[in-house]
Protein backbone atom coordinates (compact mmCIF):
# COMPACT_ATOMS: atom_id res chain seq x y z
CA MET A 1 0.00 0.03 0.01
CA ASN A 2 2.93 2.40 0.58
CA ASP A 3 4.14 2.16 -2.94
CA TYR A 4 0.94 3.74 -4.52
CA LYS A 5 1.46 7.35 -5.86
CA ILE A 6 -1.46 9.34 -7.18
CA PRO A 7 -0.92 10.04 -10.89
CA ALA A 8 1.08 13.15 -11.58
CA GLN A 9 -1.71 14.50 -13.85
CA THR A 10 -4.20 14.54 -11.04
CA ARG A 11 -5.58 18.07 -10.20
CA ILE A 12 -7.91 19.35 -7.57
CA GLY A 13 -11.01 20.24 -9.72
CA HIS A 14 -12.92 22.54 -7.53
CA VAL A 15 -13.79 23.69 -3.97
CA HIS A 16 -17.18 23.84 -2.51
CA LEU A 17 -17.68 26.30 0.27
CA LYS A 18 -20.44 26.72 2.90
CA VAL A 19 -21.29 30.41 3.13
CA SER A 20 -23.63 32.47 5.33
CA ASP A 21 -24.82 34.92 2.66
CA LEU A 22 -24.69 33.89 -0.91
CA GLN A 23 -24.89 37.39 -2.46
CA LYS A 24 -21.97 38.62 -0.23
CA SER A 25 -19.98 35.59 -1.43
CA LEU A 26 -20.90 36.34 -5.10
CA ASP A 27 -19.95 39.94 -4.66
CA PHE A 28 -16.48 38.90 -3.43
CA TYR A 29 -15.74 36.01 -5.79
CA CYS A 30 -17.36 37.40 -8.90
CA GLY A 31 -17.48 41.21 -8.33
CA LEU A 32 -14.13 41.49 -6.78
CA LEU A 33 -12.00 38.57 -7.93
CA GLY A 34 -13.67 38.27 -11.35
CA PHE A 35 -15.00 34.77 -11.38
CA GLU A 36 -18.05 34.09 -13.78
CA LYS A 37 -21.39 32.88 -12.41
CA MET A 38 -22.02 29.59 -14.36
CA VAL A 39 -25.14 28.15 -12.59
CA MET A 40 -27.49 29.25 -9.84
CA TYR A 41 -29.59 26.86 -7.69
CA GLY A 42 -32.24 29.31 -6.61
CA ASP A 43 -30.99 31.58 -3.83
CA GLN A 44 -29.11 28.80 -2.04
CA ALA A 45 -26.21 27.93 -4.25
CA ALA A 46 -24.01 29.08 -7.07
CA PHE A 47 -21.28 27.58 -9.21
CA ILE A 48 -18.56 29.91 -10.56
CA SER A 49 -15.61 29.56 -12.68
CA ALA A 50 -12.63 31.16 -14.56
CA GLY A 51 -12.83 30.93 -18.31
CA GLY A 52 -16.16 29.04 -18.73
CA TYR A 53 -15.31 25.84 -16.97
CA HIS A 54 -18.40 24.28 -15.36
CA HIS A 55 -17.19 25.41 -11.97
CA HIS A 56 -14.03 25.99 -9.93
CA ILE A 57 -15.89 27.08 -6.74
CA GLY A 58 -19.25 26.11 -5.42
CA LEU A 59 -20.97 28.36 -2.88
CA ASN A 60 -23.92 27.19 -0.88
CA THR A 61 -25.99 28.11 2.14
CA TRP A 62 -27.61 24.72 2.45
CA HIS A 63 -26.41 24.24 6.14
CA SER A 64 -24.87 27.60 6.73
CA LYS A 65 -27.25 30.48 5.94
CA GLY A 66 -26.86 33.25 8.38
CA ALA A 67 -24.11 31.37 10.37
CA SER A 68 -21.11 32.89 12.04
CA PRO A 69 -17.68 32.13 10.59
CA ALA A 70 -15.99 28.93 12.01
CA PRO A 71 -13.76 29.60 15.05
CA GLU A 72 -10.05 30.35 13.94
CA TYR A 73 -8.74 27.50 16.05
CA ALA A 74 -11.21 24.85 14.77
CA PRO A 75 -10.23 22.12 12.30
CA GLY A 76 -11.30 22.93 8.74
CA LEU A 77 -10.11 24.43 5.57
CA TYR A 78 -7.04 26.70 6.07
CA HIS A 79 -7.39 28.51 2.64
CA THR A 80 -8.38 28.02 -0.84
CA ALA A 81 -5.47 28.65 -3.21
CA ILE A 82 -6.36 30.28 -6.67
CA LEU A 83 -3.53 29.84 -9.16
CA TYR A 84 -2.95 32.72 -11.64
CA PRO A 85 -1.27 31.84 -14.94
CA GLU A 86 1.21 34.61 -15.02
CA ARG A 87 2.94 37.00 -12.61
CA LYS A 88 1.29 40.02 -14.29
CA ASP A 89 -2.14 38.42 -13.50
CA LEU A 90 -1.36 38.37 -9.78
CA ALA A 91 -0.09 42.03 -10.09
CA VAL A 92 -3.43 43.09 -11.65
CA ILE A 93 -5.64 41.34 -8.97
CA LEU A 94 -3.41 42.94 -6.22
CA LYS A 95 -3.83 46.35 -7.67
CA ARG A 96 -7.63 45.72 -7.83
CA LEU A 97 -7.68 44.60 -4.09
CA ILE A 98 -5.82 47.71 -3.19
CA GLU A 99 -8.05 50.06 -5.24
CA ALA A 100 -11.09 48.38 -3.61
CA ARG A 101 -9.39 48.85 -0.17
CA TYR A 102 -9.97 45.20 0.49
CA GLN A 103 -8.06 43.91 3.44
CA ILE A 104 -5.02 41.88 2.64
CA THR A 105 -3.92 39.63 5.46
CA GLY A 106 -0.50 38.66 4.09
CA ALA A 107 1.94 38.62 1.17
CA SER A 108 4.74 36.13 0.83
CA ASP A 109 7.47 34.90 -1.50
CA HIS A 110 7.74 31.21 -1.12
CA GLY A 111 10.60 30.71 -3.63
CA VAL A 112 8.33 28.47 -5.74
CA SER A 113 5.56 30.96 -5.74
CA GLU A 114 4.48 34.51 -4.90
CA ALA A 115 1.20 34.81 -2.84
CA ILE A 116 -1.32 37.34 -1.54
CA TYR A 117 -3.63 36.29 1.36
CA LEU A 118 -6.99 37.52 2.28
CA ASN A 119 -10.26 36.37 3.70
CA ASP A 120 -13.62 36.13 1.98
CA PRO A 121 -16.80 37.49 3.62
CA ASP A 122 -17.06 34.30 5.84
CA GLN A 123 -13.46 34.55 6.96
CA ASN A 124 -12.43 31.64 4.73
CA GLY A 125 -8.80 32.04 3.89
CA VAL A 126 -8.02 32.79 0.23
CA GLU A 127 -4.59 32.60 -1.27
CA LEU A 128 -4.02 34.27 -4.68
CA TYR A 129 -0.74 33.10 -6.17
CA TRP A 130 1.40 32.26 -9.25
CA ASP A 131 3.93 29.69 -9.65
CA ARG A 132 7.50 30.46 -10.82
CA PRO A 133 8.69 28.14 -13.63
CA GLU A 134 9.98 24.90 -12.11
CA GLU A 135 13.45 25.47 -13.23
CA LEU A 136 13.63 28.59 -10.93
CA TRP A 137 12.50 26.74 -7.85
CA PRO A 138 14.91 26.91 -5.05
CA VAL A 139 16.87 23.63 -4.33
CA ASP A 140 19.68 22.61 -2.08
CA GLN A 141 22.95 21.12 -3.10
CA ASP A 142 21.31 17.76 -3.35
CA GLY A 143 18.52 18.99 -5.52
CA ASN A 144 15.84 18.94 -2.86
CA LEU A 145 13.20 21.56 -2.91
CA THR A 146 13.74 24.34 -0.36
CA MET A 147 10.61 26.47 -0.03
CA PHE A 148 10.66 29.41 2.37
CA THR A 149 8.50 32.28 3.37
CA ARG A 150 9.95 35.76 2.82
CA ARG A 151 8.58 39.27 2.27
CA LEU A 152 6.80 39.64 -1.10
CA ASP A 153 8.23 42.37 -3.35
CA ILE A 154 4.92 44.17 -3.54
CA GLU A 155 6.37 47.28 -5.24
CA GLY A 156 8.03 45.23 -7.95
CA LEU A 157 4.92 43.16 -8.44
CA LEU A 158 2.70 46.22 -8.87
CA GLN A 159 4.92 47.63 -11.60
CA LEU A 160 3.58 44.87 -13.79
CA ALA A 161 -0.08 45.88 -13.20
CA ASN A 162 0.16 48.91 -15.50
């Protein structure tokens, strides 16, 4: 059983979030982050995507309408990570967040990626990031990946947004 490895082409297809207010979540994910609304299930659920895919994110109030956010120190989802195709795309969304005065909770350079952190209206963590090309990932003298967390060069990133 220990010799099984999931196929390298496997991807995480979508995340489905319980939210307290569907419209507030749509305003955040579609209005601010730019996802497209693909399907609505009445006023209880929505499926949204980037680029016309059936859905990357599901939002529903089936068991959570009007509920308070989960306690910070309870088990659960730490964050949803949204991968942008290019560094410039990350720069554009960062500029958009700043112009909207949306609270950013963190910004990091991880060597393999650059990331912006924030919370959605239900305090679910959201990471917006882009991956550096694999040949630029930091490795030690033995070729082992050496990720880190350092200050993100926000100024340099924002120069790409213009």
